[in-house]
């Protein structure tokens, strides 16, 4: 199952890496809504859900420290993999 719109993740990564933090933040909010809907659907296995929740914790920690490069890395290298296999 795809957990979020595939197009939004590269947009967040691009915006975050190019210093457009307002755009990255707005897109990140949309991504979180997509993920929330997927998690609520019941179509994600417990293992996949645990992986997604761990990734979300990492994103929130990076966001708290305003580390947009780390957020981009997490989305590009971790969340994208889950999105392809979930």
N, C-alpha and C. Protein backbone atom coordinates (compact mmCIF):
# COMPACT_ATOMS: atom_id res chain seq x y z
N UNK A 1 0.84 -1.18 0.00
CA UNK A 1 0.00 0.00 0.00
C UNK A 1 0.88 1.24 0.00
N UNK A 2 0.54 2.20 -0.80
CA UNK A 2 1.23 3.47 -0.84
C UNK A 2 0.72 4.32 0.33
N UNK A 3 1.64 4.84 1.13
CA UNK A 3 1.22 5.59 2.32
C UNK A 3 0.98 7.07 2.04
N UNK A 4 1.47 7.57 0.91
CA UNK A 4 1.30 8.99 0.61
C UNK A 4 1.49 9.22 -0.89
N UNK A 5 1.04 10.38 -1.33
CA UNK A 5 1.22 10.78 -2.72
C UNK A 5 2.71 10.77 -3.06
N UNK A 6 3.08 10.00 -4.06
CA UNK A 6 4.49 9.85 -4.43
C UNK A 6 5.12 11.17 -4.88
N UNK A 7 4.31 12.07 -5.40
CA UNK A 7 4.84 13.33 -5.92
C UNK A 7 5.25 14.30 -4.82
N UNK A 8 4.63 14.20 -3.67
CA UNK A 8 4.88 15.18 -2.62
C UNK A 8 6.22 14.99 -1.93
N UNK A 9 6.67 13.76 -1.82
CA UNK A 9 7.93 13.51 -1.11
C UNK A 9 9.13 14.17 -1.80
N UNK A 10 9.30 14.02 -3.13
CA UNK A 10 10.43 14.70 -3.77
C UNK A 10 10.31 16.23 -3.69
N UNK A 11 9.09 16.73 -3.67
CA UNK A 11 8.90 18.18 -3.56
C UNK A 11 9.38 18.68 -2.19
N UNK A 12 9.08 17.92 -1.15
CA UNK A 12 9.54 18.30 0.19
C UNK A 12 11.07 18.27 0.23
N UNK A 13 11.64 17.20 -0.28
CA UNK A 13 13.10 17.05 -0.29
C UNK A 13 13.75 18.22 -1.02
N UNK A 14 13.23 18.56 -2.19
CA UNK A 14 13.79 19.66 -2.98
C UNK A 14 13.68 20.98 -2.22
N UNK A 15 12.50 21.27 -1.69
CA UNK A 15 12.29 22.53 -0.98
C UNK A 15 13.18 22.62 0.25
N UNK A 16 13.27 21.53 1.00
CA UNK A 16 14.08 21.54 2.22
C UNK A 16 15.56 21.73 1.91
N UNK A 17 16.03 21.09 0.87
CA UNK A 17 17.45 21.17 0.53
C UNK A 17 17.83 22.50 -0.13
N UNK A 18 16.82 23.22 -0.63
CA UNK A 18 17.10 24.50 -1.29
C UNK A 18 16.68 25.69 -0.44
N UNK A 19 16.41 25.45 0.84
CA UNK A 19 16.16 26.55 1.77
C UNK A 19 14.77 27.15 1.74
N UNK A 20 13.86 26.53 0.99
CA UNK A 20 12.48 27.03 0.96
C UNK A 20 11.69 26.31 2.06
N UNK A 21 11.98 26.71 3.30
CA UNK A 21 11.44 26.00 4.45
C UNK A 21 9.93 26.19 4.62
N UNK A 22 9.41 27.34 4.19
CA UNK A 22 7.96 27.55 4.26
C UNK A 22 7.24 26.56 3.36
N UNK A 23 7.74 26.39 2.15
CA UNK A 23 7.14 25.43 1.21
C UNK A 23 7.32 24.00 1.73
N UNK A 24 8.51 23.70 2.22
CA UNK A 24 8.76 22.36 2.76
C UNK A 24 7.83 22.06 3.93
N UNK A 25 7.62 23.03 4.78
CA UNK A 25 6.74 22.85 5.94
C UNK A 25 5.30 22.63 5.51
N UNK A 26 4.85 23.41 4.55
CA UNK A 26 3.48 23.26 4.04
C UNK A 26 3.28 21.88 3.42
N UNK A 27 4.23 21.47 2.61
CA UNK A 27 4.15 20.15 1.98
C UNK A 27 4.25 19.03 3.02
N UNK A 28 5.08 19.24 4.04
CA UNK A 28 5.21 18.24 5.09
C UNK A 28 3.88 18.06 5.82
N UNK A 29 3.15 19.14 6.03
CA UNK A 29 1.83 19.03 6.65
C UNK A 29 0.89 18.19 5.78
N UNK A 30 0.93 18.40 4.48
CA UNK A 30 0.09 17.60 3.57
C UNK A 30 0.50 16.12 3.62
N UNK A 31 1.81 15.89 3.67
CA UNK A 31 2.31 14.51 3.76
C UNK A 31 1.81 13.84 5.04
N UNK A 32 1.85 14.55 6.15
CA UNK A 32 1.40 13.98 7.42
C UNK A 32 -0.09 13.63 7.37
N UNK A 33 -0.88 14.45 6.69
CA UNK A 33 -2.30 14.12 6.53
C UNK A 33 -2.48 12.85 5.71
N UNK A 34 -1.72 12.72 4.64
CA UNK A 34 -1.77 11.50 3.81
C UNK A 34 -1.39 10.27 4.62
N UNK A 35 -0.32 10.39 5.38
CA UNK A 35 0.15 9.27 6.19
C UNK A 35 -0.88 8.91 7.25
N UNK A 36 -1.47 9.91 7.87
CA UNK A 36 -2.49 9.68 8.89
C UNK A 36 -3.67 8.90 8.32
N UNK A 37 -4.09 9.27 7.12
CA UNK A 37 -5.20 8.55 6.47
C UNK A 37 -4.82 7.10 6.20
N UNK A 38 -3.59 6.89 5.74
CA UNK A 38 -3.13 5.52 5.46
C UNK A 38 -3.06 4.68 6.72
N UNK A 39 -2.55 5.28 7.79
CA UNK A 39 -2.45 4.54 9.05
C UNK A 39 -3.83 4.21 9.60
N UNK A 40 -4.79 5.10 9.39
CA UNK A 40 -6.14 4.88 9.90
C UNK A 40 -6.93 3.89 9.06
N UNK A 41 -6.47 3.61 7.86
CA UNK A 41 -7.22 2.75 6.94
C UNK A 41 -7.24 1.29 7.38
N UNK A 42 -6.26 0.89 8.19
CA UNK A 42 -6.18 -0.50 8.61
C UNK A 42 -5.58 -1.43 7.57
N UNK A 43 -5.08 -0.87 6.48
CA UNK A 43 -4.51 -1.68 5.40
C UNK A 43 -3.00 -1.83 5.51
N UNK A 44 -2.42 -1.32 6.57
CA UNK A 44 -0.98 -1.41 6.76
C UNK A 44 -0.72 -2.45 7.85
N UNK A 45 0.21 -3.34 7.58
CA UNK A 45 0.52 -4.40 8.55
C UNK A 45 1.15 -3.77 9.80
N UNK A 46 1.10 -4.49 10.92
CA UNK A 46 1.72 -3.97 12.15
C UNK A 46 3.21 -3.67 11.99
N UNK A 47 3.91 -4.50 11.24
CA UNK A 47 5.34 -4.27 11.01
C UNK A 47 5.57 -2.98 10.23
N UNK A 48 4.78 -2.79 9.17
CA UNK A 48 4.89 -1.57 8.38
C UNK A 48 4.50 -0.35 9.21
N UNK A 49 3.47 -0.50 10.03
CA UNK A 49 3.04 0.61 10.86
C UNK A 49 4.14 1.01 11.84
N UNK A 50 4.80 0.03 12.44
CA UNK A 50 5.91 0.33 13.35
C UNK A 50 7.03 1.07 12.64
N UNK A 51 7.33 0.66 11.41
CA UNK A 51 8.36 1.33 10.64
C UNK A 51 7.98 2.77 10.35
N UNK A 52 6.74 2.98 9.94
CA UNK A 52 6.27 4.34 9.65
C UNK A 52 6.29 5.20 10.90
N UNK A 53 5.85 4.65 12.02
CA UNK A 53 5.83 5.42 13.26
C UNK A 53 7.25 5.80 13.70
N UNK A 54 8.20 4.91 13.53
CA UNK A 54 9.60 5.23 13.87
C UNK A 54 10.12 6.34 12.97
N UNK A 55 9.81 6.26 11.71
CA UNK A 55 10.23 7.30 10.77
C UNK A 55 9.60 8.64 11.14
N UNK A 56 8.33 8.62 11.50
CA UNK A 56 7.65 9.86 11.90
C UNK A 56 8.30 10.47 13.15
N UNK A 57 8.67 9.63 14.09
CA UNK A 57 9.36 10.13 15.28
C UNK A 57 10.68 10.81 14.90
N UNK A 58 11.39 10.22 13.96
CA UNK A 58 12.65 10.81 13.49
C UNK A 58 12.41 12.15 12.78
N UNK A 59 11.35 12.21 11.98
CA UNK A 59 11.01 13.47 11.30
C UNK A 59 10.66 14.54 12.32
N UNK A 60 9.84 14.20 13.32
CA UNK A 60 9.45 15.20 14.32
C UNK A 60 10.65 15.68 15.13
N UNK A 61 11.59 14.77 15.45
CA UNK A 61 12.79 15.18 16.18
C UNK A 61 13.63 16.14 15.34
N UNK A 62 13.76 15.84 14.05
CA UNK A 62 14.52 16.73 13.15
C UNK A 62 13.81 18.07 12.98
N UNK A 63 12.49 18.02 12.92
CA UNK A 63 11.72 19.26 12.78
C UNK A 63 11.87 20.13 14.04
N UNK A 64 11.88 19.50 15.19
CA UNK A 64 12.03 20.22 16.45
C UNK A 64 13.36 20.98 16.49
N UNK A 65 14.39 20.37 15.94
CA UNK A 65 15.70 21.04 15.92
C UNK A 65 15.91 21.84 14.63
N UNK A 66 14.87 21.96 13.82
CA UNK A 66 14.90 22.72 12.57
C UNK A 66 15.99 22.23 11.62
N UNK A 67 16.18 20.93 11.60
CA UNK A 67 17.20 20.31 10.74
C UNK A 67 16.52 19.82 9.45
N UNK A 68 16.37 20.74 8.51
CA UNK A 68 15.64 20.43 7.29
C UNK A 68 16.40 19.48 6.37
N UNK A 69 17.71 19.49 6.45
CA UNK A 69 18.48 18.53 5.65
C UNK A 69 18.21 17.12 6.16
N UNK A 70 18.16 16.96 7.47
CA UNK A 70 17.85 15.64 8.05
C UNK A 70 16.44 15.20 7.67
N UNK A 71 15.49 16.13 7.70
CA UNK A 71 14.12 15.80 7.29
C UNK A 71 14.12 15.31 5.85
N UNK A 72 14.83 16.03 4.99
CA UNK A 72 14.91 15.62 3.58
C UNK A 72 15.52 14.22 3.45
N UNK A 73 16.58 13.96 4.20
CA UNK A 73 17.21 12.64 4.16
C UNK A 73 16.26 11.54 4.62
N UNK A 74 15.55 11.78 5.70
CA UNK A 74 14.61 10.78 6.22
C UNK A 74 13.53 10.48 5.20
N UNK A 75 12.99 11.53 4.61
CA UNK A 75 11.93 11.32 3.62
C UNK A 75 12.47 10.60 2.39
N UNK A 76 13.62 11.06 1.90
CA UNK A 76 14.17 10.48 0.67
C UNK A 76 14.65 9.04 0.85
N UNK A 77 15.32 8.76 1.95
CA UNK A 77 15.95 7.45 2.09
C UNK A 77 15.18 6.45 2.94
N UNK A 78 14.32 6.92 3.84
CA UNK A 78 13.59 6.01 4.72
C UNK A 78 12.11 5.92 4.35
N UNK A 79 11.45 7.04 4.32
CA UNK A 79 10.00 7.03 4.10
C UNK A 79 9.65 6.59 2.68
N UNK A 80 10.45 6.97 1.73
CA UNK A 80 10.19 6.58 0.34
C UNK A 80 10.19 5.05 0.19
N UNK A 81 11.10 4.38 0.90
CA UNK A 81 11.15 2.91 0.84
C UNK A 81 9.86 2.30 1.38
N UNK A 82 9.37 2.84 2.51
CA UNK A 82 8.12 2.34 3.08
C UNK A 82 6.98 2.60 2.12
N UNK A 83 6.99 3.78 1.51
CA UNK A 83 5.93 4.13 0.57
C UNK A 83 5.87 3.20 -0.63
N UNK A 84 7.01 2.63 -1.01
CA UNK A 84 7.05 1.72 -2.14
C UNK A 84 6.60 0.32 -1.77
N UNK A 85 6.80 -0.06 -0.51
CA UNK A 85 6.51 -1.44 -0.12
C UNK A 85 5.27 -1.57 0.73
N UNK A 86 4.80 -0.47 1.30
CA UNK A 86 3.64 -0.53 2.21
C UNK A 86 2.38 -0.72 1.45
